[in-house]
């Protein structure tokens, strides 16, 4: 068997990473942060209504009844329109 010795920098370079001694620039840090999702007033109303309605269309073990998800979505949209 062959014994191979590498420094951490060589290993990261081989993998395509950034060498350890260099610092990440600000643009790299911004790329790592997920963008904040925007939500409209309607989507917030729909979300609340769906959570309110969902238990009616579920079984005791937490699974959806037959056509339960579809019915819950439809009712939540109907309630959100008002």
C-alpha atoms as a PDB file:
ATOM      1  CA  UNK A   1       0.000   0.000   0.000  1.00  0.00           C
ATOM      2  CA  UNK A   2       1.178   3.510  -0.821  1.00  0.00           C
ATOM      3  CA  UNK A   3       1.525   6.114   1.907  1.00  0.00           C
ATOM      4  CA  UNK A   4       0.537   9.577   0.629  1.00  0.00           C
ATOM      5  CA  UNK A   5       1.122  12.683   2.712  1.00  0.00           C
ATOM      6  CA  UNK A   6      -0.494  16.018   1.872  1.00  0.00           C
ATOM      7  CA  UNK A   7      -0.910  19.279   3.636  1.00  0.00           C
ATOM      8  CA  UNK A   8      -4.444  20.455   4.314  1.00  0.00           C
ATOM      9  CA  UNK A   9      -4.067  23.179   1.665  1.00  0.00           C
ATOM     10  CA  UNK A  10      -3.022  20.648  -0.967  1.00  0.00           C
ATOM     11  CA  UNK A  11      -5.930  18.404  -0.051  1.00  0.00           C
ATOM     12  CA  UNK A  12      -8.493  21.216  -0.275  1.00  0.00           C
ATOM     13  CA  UNK A  13      -7.026  22.410  -3.559  1.00  0.00           C
ATOM     14  CA  UNK A  14      -7.294  18.884  -4.895  1.00  0.00           C
ATOM     15  CA  UNK A  15     -10.955  18.759  -3.898  1.00  0.00           C
ATOM     16  CA  UNK A  16     -11.573  22.178  -5.446  1.00  0.00           C
ATOM     17  CA  UNK A  17     -12.015  23.989  -2.158  1.00  0.00           C
ATOM     18  CA  UNK A  18     -10.518  27.197  -0.879  1.00  0.00           C
ATOM     19  CA  UNK A  19      -7.125  27.021   0.842  1.00  0.00           C
ATOM     20  CA  UNK A  20      -7.406  27.428   4.614  1.00  0.00           C
ATOM     21  CA  UNK A  21      -5.148  30.455   4.913  1.00  0.00           C
ATOM     22  CA  UNK A  22      -7.257  32.615   2.576  1.00  0.00           C
ATOM     23  CA  UNK A  23     -10.335  34.309   3.960  1.00  0.00           C
ATOM     24  CA  UNK A  24     -13.710  34.199   2.227  1.00  0.00           C
ATOM     25  CA  UNK A  25     -14.706  37.436   0.596  1.00  0.00           C
ATOM     26  CA  UNK A  26     -17.942  39.236   1.400  1.00  0.00           C
ATOM     27  CA  UNK A  27     -19.549  38.015  -1.822  1.00  0.00           C
ATOM     28  CA  UNK A  28     -18.965  34.402  -0.778  1.00  0.00           C
ATOM     29  CA  UNK A  29     -20.629  35.070   2.579  1.00  0.00           C
ATOM     30  CA  UNK A  30     -23.651  36.627   0.882  1.00  0.00           C
ATOM     31  CA  UNK A  31     -24.042  33.612  -1.376  1.00  0.00           C
ATOM     32  CA  UNK A  32     -24.242  31.303   1.620  1.00  0.00           C
ATOM     33  CA  UNK A  33     -27.069  33.236   3.295  1.00  0.00           C
ATOM     34  CA  UNK A  34     -30.498  32.186   2.009  1.00  0.00           C
ATOM     35  CA  UNK A  35     -32.690  34.946   0.640  1.00  0.00           C
ATOM     36  CA  UNK A  36     -35.624  35.982   2.789  1.00  0.00           C
ATOM     37  CA  UNK A  37     -38.852  34.701   1.262  1.00  0.00           C
ATOM     38  CA  UNK A  38     -41.545  37.268   0.667  1.00  0.00           C
ATOM     39  CA  UNK A  39     -45.120  36.521   1.552  1.00  0.00           C
ATOM     40  CA  UNK A  40     -48.238  38.391   0.614  1.00  0.00           C
ATOM     41  CA  UNK A  41     -51.171  39.119   2.883  1.00  0.00           C
ATOM     42  CA  UNK A  42     -53.202  36.506   0.997  1.00  0.00           C
ATOM     43  CA  UNK A  43     -50.587  33.786   1.492  1.00  0.00           C
ATOM     44  CA  UNK A  44     -50.474  34.537   5.224  1.00  0.00           C
ATOM     45  CA  UNK A  45     -54.293  34.293   5.434  1.00  0.00           C
ATOM     46  CA  UNK A  46     -54.260  31.059   3.416  1.00  0.00           C
ATOM     47  CA  UNK A  47     -51.553  29.550   5.627  1.00  0.00           C
ATOM     48  CA  UNK A  48     -53.524  30.320   8.793  1.00  0.00           C
ATOM     49  CA  UNK A  49     -56.777  29.022   7.320  1.00  0.00           C
ATOM     50  CA  UNK A  50     -55.139  25.830   6.055  1.00  0.00           C
ATOM     51  CA  UNK A  51     -53.742  25.087   9.505  1.00  0.00           C
ATOM     52  CA  UNK A  52     -57.176  25.689  11.011  1.00  0.00           C
ATOM     53  CA  UNK A  53     -58.960  23.405   8.515  1.00  0.00           C
ATOM     54  CA  UNK A  54     -56.426  20.571   8.093  1.00  0.00           C
ATOM     55  CA  UNK A  55     -57.339  18.527  11.212  1.00  0.00           C
ATOM     56  CA  UNK A  56     -60.897  18.067   9.887  1.00  0.00           C
ATOM     57  CA  UNK A  57     -59.547  16.194   6.883  1.00  0.00           C
ATOM     58  CA  UNK A  58     -57.065  13.954   8.698  1.00  0.00           C
ATOM     59  CA  UNK A  59     -57.400  10.549  10.332  1.00  0.00           C
ATOM     60  CA  UNK A  60     -56.580   9.891  13.997  1.00  0.00           C
ATOM     61  CA  UNK A  61     -53.087   8.676  13.091  1.00  0.00           C
ATOM     62  CA  UNK A  62     -52.317  11.930  11.244  1.00  0.00           C
ATOM     63  CA  UNK A  63     -52.646  10.665   7.675  1.00  0.00           C
ATOM     64  CA  UNK A  64     -54.832  12.493   5.208  1.00  0.00           C
ATOM     65  CA  UNK A  65     -58.309  11.092   4.512  1.00  0.00           C
ATOM     66  CA  UNK A  66     -59.134  10.148   0.939  1.00  0.00           C
ATOM     67  CA  UNK A  67     -59.197  13.431  -1.048  1.00  0.00           C
ATOM     68  CA  UNK A  68     -58.604  15.170   2.296  1.00  0.00           C
ATOM     69  CA  UNK A  69     -55.653  17.315   1.220  1.00  0.00           C
ATOM     70  CA  UNK A  70     -57.462  18.469  -1.908  1.00  0.00           C
ATOM     71  CA  UNK A  71     -60.562  19.341   0.118  1.00  0.00           C
ATOM     72  CA  UNK A  72     -58.534  21.170   2.774  1.00  0.00           C
ATOM     73  CA  UNK A  73     -56.758  23.256   0.123  1.00  0.00           C
ATOM     74  CA  UNK A  74     -60.042  24.113  -1.564  1.00  0.00           C
ATOM     75  CA  UNK A  75     -61.735  25.140   1.693  1.00  0.00           C
ATOM     76  CA  UNK A  76     -58.714  27.169   2.857  1.00  0.00           C
ATOM     77  CA  UNK A  77     -58.681  29.084  -0.446  1.00  0.00           C
ATOM     78  CA  UNK A  78     -62.418  29.701  -0.148  1.00  0.00           C
ATOM     79  CA  UNK A  79     -61.985  31.046   3.396  1.00  0.00           C
ATOM     80  CA  UNK A  80     -59.042  33.234   2.354  1.00  0.00           C
ATOM     81  CA  UNK A  81     -60.951  35.009  -0.403  1.00  0.00           C
ATOM     82  CA  UNK A  82     -63.270  36.752   2.071  1.00  0.00           C
END
